[in-house]
């Protein structure tokens, strides 16, 4: 089932399946800005990545002397959540651990996701409670995709990425081919001109760009004139991904707390970089905000 809320300038729709945002409609400009999951390119809109972002090396999570078989981005995006509250400006979903999820990773949890609409801002708010007795380890992330190009008679390379930084470049890693894990063989530089980076035709030829070390907490896709079209803010997120399938008319802005394994990582999950550690009965909360300009 889908749930829609709206105000005078925007409407959003969230699905029970994956607690996924499936529509951001700009009433002022009379257009949908969220990617509409054309299966010819990519059949998702804005999936929630939980209990891990990206892939474990060899799809294996090592925990407490055992090996658990995993898949890319975890299970939450493919499960049905319960809609537990809908107000005039928010939609809240909940997922509780089951025997199925515990076979995947052996943690008891309650995951609550709230989408809140305020003017032209959509806040995505996560709360994870460790309801078990053991310490829980996880990563979490967003994966919203936006229509680019959005203006008539423009192409994706007419647009740009915008960052609020004085740096002349940002450092990023690429994905090790065939593994979905991060390669540390080389650190690449995304050149910036007063915070602006070009979207070139080959920018995503090697999959996602992986940004580590809290290099930014605000990023936007800019119109051809350099003004923001869509922006995303994510305070306290150490990792970020930017991705598109080459040739596809969308770009994903992906705020992550933790990310895929480094290539070759086979240590216990508790030793993974930027892993979230949650003691029994503790609660984690964070989130990000999308703004339509």
Protein backbone atom coordinates (compact mmCIF):
# COMPACT_ATOMS: atom_id res chain seq x y z
CA UNK A 1 0.00 0.00 0.00
CA UNK A 2 1.11 3.57 -0.73
CA UNK A 3 0.58 6.65 1.46
CA UNK A 4 0.55 10.26 0.23
CA UNK A 5 0.78 13.53 2.11
CA UNK A 6 0.93 17.02 0.67
CA UNK A 7 1.15 20.71 1.36
CA UNK A 8 0.69 23.81 -0.79
CA UNK A 9 3.88 23.25 -2.82
CA UNK A 10 4.72 19.52 -2.67
CA UNK A 11 3.36 16.03 -2.33
CA UNK A 12 5.23 12.86 -1.41
CA UNK A 13 4.27 9.20 -1.55
CA UNK A 14 5.81 6.40 0.51
CA UNK A 15 5.28 2.68 -0.04
CA UNK A 16 4.86 0.07 2.69
CA UNK A 17 7.29 -2.04 0.67
CA UNK A 18 10.71 -1.10 1.96
CA UNK A 19 9.30 2.09 3.54
CA UNK A 20 10.49 3.56 0.25
CA UNK A 21 9.85 7.08 -0.94
CA UNK A 22 8.36 6.60 -4.41
CA UNK A 23 7.25 10.10 -5.41
CA UNK A 24 8.30 13.71 -4.85
CA UNK A 25 5.95 15.89 -6.84
CA UNK A 26 6.73 19.59 -7.20
CA UNK A 27 3.35 21.31 -7.53
CA UNK A 28 4.85 24.68 -8.36
CA UNK A 29 6.74 23.35 -11.38
CA UNK A 30 4.19 20.60 -12.06
CA UNK A 31 6.68 17.76 -12.31
CA UNK A 32 7.91 14.60 -10.63
CA UNK A 33 11.53 14.89 -9.50
CA UNK A 34 12.12 11.40 -8.07
CA UNK A 35 13.22 8.67 -10.47
CA UNK A 36 10.22 6.52 -11.38
CA UNK A 37 11.90 3.12 -11.38
CA UNK A 38 11.92 2.37 -15.09
CA UNK A 39 13.11 -1.27 -15.13
CA UNK A 40 14.95 -0.64 -18.38
CA UNK A 41 17.54 1.17 -16.23
CA UNK A 42 16.91 0.61 -12.49
CA UNK A 43 13.68 -0.53 -10.88
CA UNK A 44 13.91 1.35 -7.57
CA UNK A 45 13.23 4.91 -6.40
CA UNK A 46 14.92 5.58 -3.05
CA UNK A 47 15.64 2.32 -1.23
CA UNK A 48 16.65 2.11 2.43
CA UNK A 49 19.97 0.33 2.88
CA UNK A 50 19.86 -1.75 6.09
CA UNK A 51 21.35 -3.59 7.94
CA UNK A 52 24.28 -2.80 5.71
CA UNK A 53 25.26 -0.48 2.91
CA UNK A 54 26.69 -2.07 -0.23
CA UNK A 55 28.34 -5.47 -0.14
CA UNK A 56 30.37 -7.50 2.28
CA UNK A 57 33.47 -9.02 0.70
CA UNK A 58 32.40 -12.30 -0.95
CA UNK A 59 28.87 -11.54 0.41
CA UNK A 60 30.03 -12.92 3.77
CA UNK A 61 29.60 -11.21 7.12
CA UNK A 62 31.90 -12.56 9.81
CA UNK A 63 30.40 -12.22 13.28
CA UNK A 64 31.33 -13.92 16.53
CA UNK A 65 33.13 -16.79 14.80
CA UNK A 66 30.32 -17.48 12.33
CA UNK A 67 29.85 -16.57 8.68
CA UNK A 68 26.51 -15.19 7.45
CA UNK A 69 25.59 -15.11 3.76
CA UNK A 70 24.43 -11.64 2.72
CA UNK A 71 23.36 -9.69 -0.35
CA UNK A 72 23.91 -6.17 -1.55
CA UNK A 73 22.32 -3.45 0.63
CA UNK A 74 20.69 -5.85 3.08
CA UNK A 75 17.07 -6.89 3.40
CA UNK A 76 15.02 -3.87 4.51
CA UNK A 77 14.46 -2.56 0.98
CA UNK A 78 12.74 -5.83 0.04
CA UNK A 79 10.49 -6.25 3.10
CA UNK A 80 7.03 -4.93 3.87
CA UNK A 81 6.90 -2.46 6.74
CA UNK A 82 3.86 -1.65 8.86
CA UNK A 83 2.58 1.91 8.54
CA UNK A 84 2.11 2.81 12.20
CA UNK A 85 1.19 6.50 11.88
CA UNK A 86 0.12 9.00 9.26
CA UNK A 87 -0.38 12.69 10.03
CA UNK A 88 -0.89 15.70 7.80
CA UNK A 89 2.87 16.13 7.47
CA UNK A 90 4.46 12.74 8.23
CA UNK A 91 4.31 9.01 7.45
CA UNK A 92 5.91 6.51 9.84
CA UNK A 93 6.76 2.88 9.13
CA UNK A 94 8.16 0.11 11.32
CA UNK A 95 9.97 -3.17 10.72
CA UNK A 96 10.63 -5.66 13.54
CA UNK A 97 13.19 -8.46 13.34
CA UNK A 98 11.93 -11.95 12.51
CA UNK A 99 13.32 -15.47 12.25
CA UNK A 100 14.03 -14.65 8.61
CA UNK A 101 16.08 -11.55 9.43
CA UNK A 102 17.89 -13.29 12.29
CA UNK A 103 19.00 -16.03 9.91
CA UNK A 104 20.51 -13.30 7.73
CA UNK A 105 22.12 -11.41 10.65
CA UNK A 106 21.48 -12.56 14.23
CA UNK A 107 20.23 -9.33 15.79
CA UNK A 108 16.90 -8.37 17.34
CA UNK A 109 15.83 -4.86 16.37
CA UNK A 110 13.00 -2.46 15.74
CA UNK A 111 13.57 -0.16 12.74
CA UNK A 112 11.34 2.91 12.46
CA UNK A 113 11.37 5.18 9.40
CA UNK A 114 9.59 8.53 9.26
CA UNK A 115 9.17 10.71 6.19
CA UNK A 116 8.28 14.28 7.14
CA UNK A 117 7.20 17.01 4.70
CA UNK A 118 7.80 20.68 5.50
CA UNK A 119 7.49 23.26 2.73
CA UNK A 120 9.84 21.88 0.04
CA UNK A 121 11.87 19.73 2.44
CA UNK A 122 11.52 15.99 2.93
CA UNK A 123 13.20 14.66 6.06
CA UNK A 124 13.93 10.94 6.22
CA UNK A 125 14.35 9.95 9.87
CA UNK A 126 15.69 6.58 11.04
CA UNK A 127 15.45 5.03 14.49
CA UNK A 128 16.98 1.64 15.26
CA UNK A 129 16.46 0.02 18.65
CA UNK A 130 18.51 -2.98 19.68
CA UNK A 131 15.82 -5.07 21.33
CA UNK A 132 18.10 -8.05 21.91
CA UNK A 133 20.66 -8.93 24.56
CA UNK A 134 23.74 -8.88 22.32
CA UNK A 135 25.55 -5.86 20.93
CA UNK A 136 24.23 -5.08 17.46
CA UNK A 137 26.43 -4.03 14.53
CA UNK A 138 25.08 -2.45 11.35
CA UNK A 139 25.44 0.27 8.75
CA UNK A 140 22.60 2.27 7.24
CA UNK A 141 22.11 4.52 4.25
CA UNK A 142 19.80 6.24 1.81
CA UNK A 143 19.74 5.77 -1.97
CA UNK A 144 17.37 8.35 -3.52
CA UNK A 145 17.50 8.77 -7.29
CA UNK A 146 16.55 12.02 -9.00
CA UNK A 147 15.53 12.71 -12.57
CA UNK A 148 18.43 14.23 -14.48
CA UNK A 149 17.92 15.82 -16.93
CA UNK A 150 14.74 17.49 -15.70
CA UNK A 151 14.45 20.49 -18.04
CA UNK A 152 13.28 20.16 -21.65
CA UNK A 153 15.96 20.14 -24.32
CA UNK A 154 18.82 19.48 -21.90
CA UNK A 155 21.10 16.50 -21.35
CA UNK A 156 22.61 15.11 -18.16
CA UNK A 157 26.06 16.52 -18.91
CA UNK A 158 24.58 20.04 -18.91
CA UNK A 159 24.06 19.66 -15.15
CA UNK A 160 26.60 19.75 -12.34
CA UNK A 161 27.26 18.69 -8.76
CA UNK A 162 27.45 21.42 -6.12
CA UNK A 163 29.28 21.23 -2.77
CA UNK A 164 29.65 23.72 0.08
CA UNK A 165 33.41 23.60 0.40
CA UNK A 166 36.43 25.79 -0.30
CA UNK A 167 38.48 22.78 -1.40
CA UNK A 168 39.63 22.50 -5.00
CA UNK A 169 38.82 18.79 -5.10
CA UNK A 170 37.21 15.91 -3.21
CA UNK A 171 38.80 12.48 -2.79
CA UNK A 172 36.91 9.37 -3.80
CA UNK A 173 37.38 5.64 -4.24
CA UNK A 174 35.97 3.35 -6.91
CA UNK A 175 34.48 -0.13 -6.73
CA UNK A 176 36.73 -3.13 -7.32
CA UNK A 177 35.33 -4.70 -10.53
CA UNK A 178 33.10 -7.71 -10.01
CA UNK A 179 33.04 -7.54 -6.20
CA UNK A 180 30.94 -4.52 -5.19
CA UNK A 181 33.61 -3.63 -2.63
CA UNK A 182 35.82 -0.56 -2.40
CA UNK A 183 39.24 -0.53 -3.98
CA UNK A 184 42.01 1.29 -2.14
CA UNK A 185 44.47 0.82 -4.98
CA UNK A 186 44.04 4.45 -5.98
CA UNK A 187 42.42 7.58 -4.58
CA UNK A 188 40.81 9.73 -7.27
CA UNK A 189 40.15 13.48 -7.24
CA UNK A 190 36.86 15.08 -8.22
CA UNK A 191 37.90 18.53 -9.40
CA UNK A 192 35.92 21.47 -8.04
CA UNK A 193 35.60 25.00 -9.37
CA UNK A 194 34.23 27.10 -6.51
CA UNK A 195 32.35 24.05 -5.22
CA UNK A 196 31.09 22.98 -8.64
CA UNK A 197 31.94 19.65 -10.30
CA UNK A 198 31.16 18.69 -13.86
CA UNK A 199 28.93 15.71 -14.63
CA UNK A 200 30.81 14.12 -17.50
CA UNK A 201 29.57 11.38 -19.79
CA UNK A 202 32.01 8.86 -18.27
CA UNK A 203 31.74 9.89 -14.60
CA UNK A 204 30.00 6.66 -13.58
CA UNK A 205 31.72 4.24 -15.94
CA UNK A 206 33.23 2.40 -12.96
CA UNK A 207 30.12 2.34 -10.76
CA UNK A 208 29.62 4.65 -7.77
CA UNK A 209 31.97 7.34 -6.51
CA UNK A 210 32.69 6.58 -2.83
CA UNK A 211 33.48 9.55 -0.59
CA UNK A 212 34.85 8.84 2.89
CA UNK A 213 35.98 10.91 5.89
CA UNK A 214 33.08 13.36 6.28
CA UNK A 215 34.23 15.46 3.33
CA UNK A 216 30.83 17.18 3.00
CA UNK A 217 27.39 17.19 4.59
CA UNK A 218 25.53 19.02 1.80
CA UNK A 219 25.45 18.26 -1.90
CA UNK A 220 23.20 19.38 -4.73
CA UNK A 221 22.52 18.62 -8.35
CA UNK A 222 22.73 21.91 -10.20
CA UNK A 223 20.80 23.12 -13.22
CA UNK A 224 22.81 24.04 -16.32
CA UNK A 225 23.04 27.61 -14.96
CA UNK A 226 24.66 26.31 -11.76
CA UNK A 227 21.75 26.95 -9.38
CA UNK A 228 20.52 24.05 -7.21
CA UNK A 229 17.78 21.76 -8.49
CA UNK A 230 17.83 19.13 -5.70
CA UNK A 231 19.96 19.22 -2.57
CA UNK A 232 20.58 16.74 0.21
CA UNK A 233 21.91 17.48 3.69
CA UNK A 234 23.21 14.81 6.05
CA UNK A 235 24.91 15.92 9.24
CA UNK A 236 27.20 13.40 10.85
CA UNK A 237 27.41 10.99 7.90
CA UNK A 238 31.01 9.80 7.37
CA UNK A 239 30.41 8.30 3.93
CA UNK A 240 28.60 9.28 0.76
CA UNK A 241 28.00 7.71 -2.65
CA UNK A 242 27.08 9.31 -5.97
CA UNK A 243 25.96 6.93 -8.70
CA UNK A 244 24.08 6.43 -11.91
CA UNK A 245 23.91 3.63 -14.41
CA UNK A 246 25.85 5.07 -17.37
CA UNK A 247 23.39 6.52 -19.87
CA UNK A 248 20.44 6.43 -17.48
CA UNK A 249 18.43 9.65 -16.88
CA UNK A 250 18.87 9.78 -13.10
CA UNK A 251 21.54 10.47 -10.48
CA UNK A 252 21.58 8.99 -6.98
CA UNK A 253 22.76 11.00 -3.98
CA UNK A 254 23.48 8.42 -1.27
CA UNK A 255 24.14 9.41 2.36
CA UNK A 256 25.74 6.54 4.25
CA UNK A 257 26.80 5.78 7.81
CA UNK A 258 29.26 3.05 6.98
CA UNK A 259 29.63 1.53 3.55
CA UNK A 260 30.62 -1.55 1.58
CA UNK A 261 33.65 -3.54 2.71
CA UNK A 262 37.08 -2.72 1.46
CA UNK A 263 38.23 -5.35 -1.03
CA UNK A 264 39.63 -8.32 0.88
CA UNK A 265 38.11 -7.46 4.29
CA UNK A 266 37.37 -10.67 6.22
CA UNK A 267 37.64 -9.53 9.85
CA UNK A 268 34.78 -9.64 12.33
CA UNK A 269 32.06 -7.11 11.50
CA UNK A 270 32.79 -5.33 14.79
CA UNK A 271 36.11 -4.20 13.27
CA UNK A 272 34.56 -2.74 10.14
CA UNK A 273 35.25 0.96 9.56
CA UNK A 274 32.36 3.26 10.61
CA UNK A 275 30.30 0.33 11.86
CA UNK A 276 27.46 1.41 14.16
CA UNK A 277 27.68 -0.34 17.53
CA UNK A 278 24.45 -0.50 19.50
CA UNK A 279 24.33 -2.01 22.97
CA UNK A 280 21.33 -3.96 24.23
CA UNK A 281 18.22 -1.73 24.51
CA UNK A 282 20.07 1.29 23.09
CA UNK A 283 18.57 3.38 20.29
CA UNK A 284 20.29 4.94 17.28
CA UNK A 285 18.70 7.82 15.41
CA UNK A 286 19.79 9.92 12.47
CA UNK A 287 18.56 10.86 9.00
CA UNK A 288 18.86 13.21 6.05
CA UNK A 289 16.86 15.89 4.30
CA UNK A 290 16.04 16.35 0.62
CA UNK A 291 15.20 19.88 -0.55
CA UNK A 292 13.56 20.69 -3.87
CA UNK A 293 14.69 24.12 -5.07
